[in-house]
Amino acid sequence: QVHLVESGGGLVQAGGSLRLSCAASGNIFSINVMGWYRQAPGKQRELVATIAKSGSTNYADSVKGRFTISRDNAKNTVSLQLNSLKPEDTAVYYCTADITLVPLGRQTYWGLGTQVTVSS
């Protein structure tokens, strides 16, 4: 089985920064796309950013220019740098990874989430 554990959430003022990290563990053969989603109260979970093994990235329009996703393939980790935070960024942030396990095969996994709260 795979475990994804997020860290780095917290309470910050508008305009501040946070760095979220996610570590994947298990009998991992390979990790393809990794990413971050978020879910605010009363809203659907939405894509924030993804990054492929090659380093190719995609961002939601709402975070472009403010957030940066990165990964360390050797350590099976993905991070999200959140700058210029706005109250609208308040949500639970979830790490996700498309992982091939030995011997089970390829599947998408999710972490339990970390809370980011941005005050006005």
Protein backbone atom coordinates (compact mmCIF):
# COMPACT_ATOMS: atom_id res chain seq x y z
CA GLN A 1 0.00 0.00 0.00
CA VAL A 2 0.93 3.65 -0.49
CA HIS A 3 0.95 6.39 2.11
CA LEU A 4 0.93 10.07 1.17
CA VAL A 5 1.57 12.42 4.06
CA GLU A 6 1.18 16.19 3.72
CA SER A 7 2.78 18.78 5.96
CA GLY A 8 3.28 22.53 6.12
CA GLY A 9 -0.23 23.88 6.45
CA GLY A 10 -1.15 26.60 8.88
CA LEU A 11 -2.60 30.04 9.49
CA VAL A 12 -1.13 33.03 7.68
CA GLN A 13 -2.11 36.59 6.92
CA ALA A 14 -3.07 37.70 3.43
CA GLY A 15 0.05 38.31 1.39
CA GLY A 16 2.03 35.73 3.32
CA SER A 17 3.57 32.45 2.22
CA LEU A 18 3.53 28.77 3.08
CA ARG A 19 5.29 25.73 1.74
CA LEU A 20 3.46 22.42 1.62
CA SER A 21 5.24 19.10 1.27
CA CYS A 22 4.07 15.58 0.57
CA ALA A 23 6.04 12.38 0.96
CA ALA A 24 5.02 9.12 -0.70
CA SER A 25 6.02 5.78 0.75
CA GLY A 26 5.40 2.15 -0.10
CA ASN A 27 6.60 -0.49 -2.51
CA ILE A 28 6.69 2.03 -5.34
CA PHE A 29 7.86 1.09 -8.80
CA SER A 30 7.30 4.51 -10.32
CA ILE A 31 5.41 7.76 -9.83
CA ASN A 32 3.98 9.46 -12.88
CA VAL A 33 1.99 12.66 -12.25
CA MET A 34 1.96 14.21 -8.78
CA GLY A 35 -0.14 17.14 -7.75
CA TRP A 36 -2.15 19.18 -5.34
CA TYR A 37 -5.88 19.72 -5.08
CA ARG A 38 -7.82 21.81 -2.60
CA GLN A 39 -11.30 21.90 -1.18
CA ALA A 40 -12.92 24.83 0.57
CA PRO A 41 -16.02 24.46 2.75
CA GLY A 42 -19.12 23.99 0.63
CA LYS A 43 -17.16 23.71 -2.60
CA GLN A 44 -15.95 20.92 -4.85
CA ARG A 45 -12.39 19.72 -4.77
CA GLU A 46 -10.42 21.56 -7.44
CA LEU A 47 -7.10 21.15 -9.15
CA VAL A 48 -4.34 23.46 -7.95
CA ALA A 49 -1.25 22.19 -9.75
CA THR A 50 0.28 19.04 -11.23
CA ILE A 51 3.76 18.03 -12.20
CA ALA A 52 4.86 15.13 -14.37
CA LYS A 53 8.01 13.11 -13.86
CA SER A 54 9.56 15.08 -16.71
CA GLY A 55 8.97 18.31 -14.81
CA SER A 56 6.11 19.54 -16.99
CA THR A 57 3.65 21.54 -14.87
CA ASN A 58 0.06 22.70 -15.01
CA TYR A 59 -1.60 25.28 -12.77
CA ALA A 60 -5.08 26.48 -12.12
CA ASP A 61 -5.56 29.99 -13.48
CA SER A 62 -6.34 31.26 -9.99
CA VAL A 63 -2.87 30.39 -8.69
CA LYS A 64 -0.65 31.06 -11.69
CA GLY A 65 2.20 33.36 -10.80
CA ARG A 66 1.68 32.80 -7.07
CA PHE A 67 2.14 29.07 -6.49
CA THR A 68 4.99 26.85 -7.61
CA ILE A 69 4.95 23.06 -7.67
CA SER A 70 8.11 20.98 -7.59
CA ARG A 71 9.13 17.37 -7.00
CA ASP A 72 12.11 15.31 -5.98
CA ASN A 73 11.98 12.05 -7.88
CA ALA A 74 14.72 10.46 -5.80
CA LYS A 75 12.82 11.09 -2.56
CA ASN A 76 9.27 10.57 -3.90
CA THR A 77 8.18 13.97 -2.66
CA VAL A 78 6.20 16.86 -4.10
CA SER A 79 6.04 20.39 -2.74
CA LEU A 80 3.89 23.45 -3.29
CA GLN A 81 5.17 26.93 -2.57
CA LEU A 82 2.25 29.26 -1.91
CA ASN A 83 3.08 32.96 -2.19
CA SER A 84 0.95 36.09 -2.08
CA LEU A 85 -1.78 34.18 -0.32
CA LYS A 86 -5.34 35.40 -0.42
CA PRO A 87 -8.30 34.57 1.81
CA GLU A 88 -9.79 32.75 -1.18
CA ASP A 89 -6.93 30.25 -0.94
CA THR A 90 -8.27 28.98 2.38
CA ALA A 91 -8.94 25.27 1.97
CA VAL A 92 -7.78 21.80 2.81
CA TYR A 93 -4.96 20.96 0.43
CA TYR A 94 -4.59 17.37 -0.73
CA CYS A 95 -1.59 15.68 -2.23
CA THR A 96 -2.18 13.18 -5.02
CA ALA A 97 0.06 10.86 -6.97
CA ASP A 98 -0.33 8.46 -9.88
CA ILE A 99 1.74 5.52 -8.70
CA THR A 100 2.63 2.09 -10.01
CA LEU A 101 2.95 -0.36 -7.13
CA VAL A 102 4.62 -3.72 -7.05
CA PRO A 103 2.74 -6.00 -7.53
CA LEU A 104 -0.65 -4.26 -7.71
CA GLY A 105 -0.16 -1.94 -10.65
CA ARG A 106 -1.06 1.67 -11.40
CA GLN A 107 -3.49 3.69 -9.31
CA THR A 108 -4.10 7.23 -8.08
CA TYR A 109 -3.56 7.84 -4.37
CA TRP A 110 -4.53 10.68 -2.05
CA GLY A 111 -3.21 12.09 1.17
CA LEU A 112 -5.46 13.06 4.06
CA GLY A 113 -4.98 16.79 3.54
CA THR A 114 -3.51 19.75 5.36
CA GLN A 115 -5.38 22.91 6.31
CA VAL A 116 -4.35 26.28 4.91
CA THR A 117 -6.12 29.28 6.41
CA VAL A 118 -5.48 32.81 5.16
CA SER A 119 -6.80 35.69 7.23
CA SER A 120 -7.74 39.10 5.86
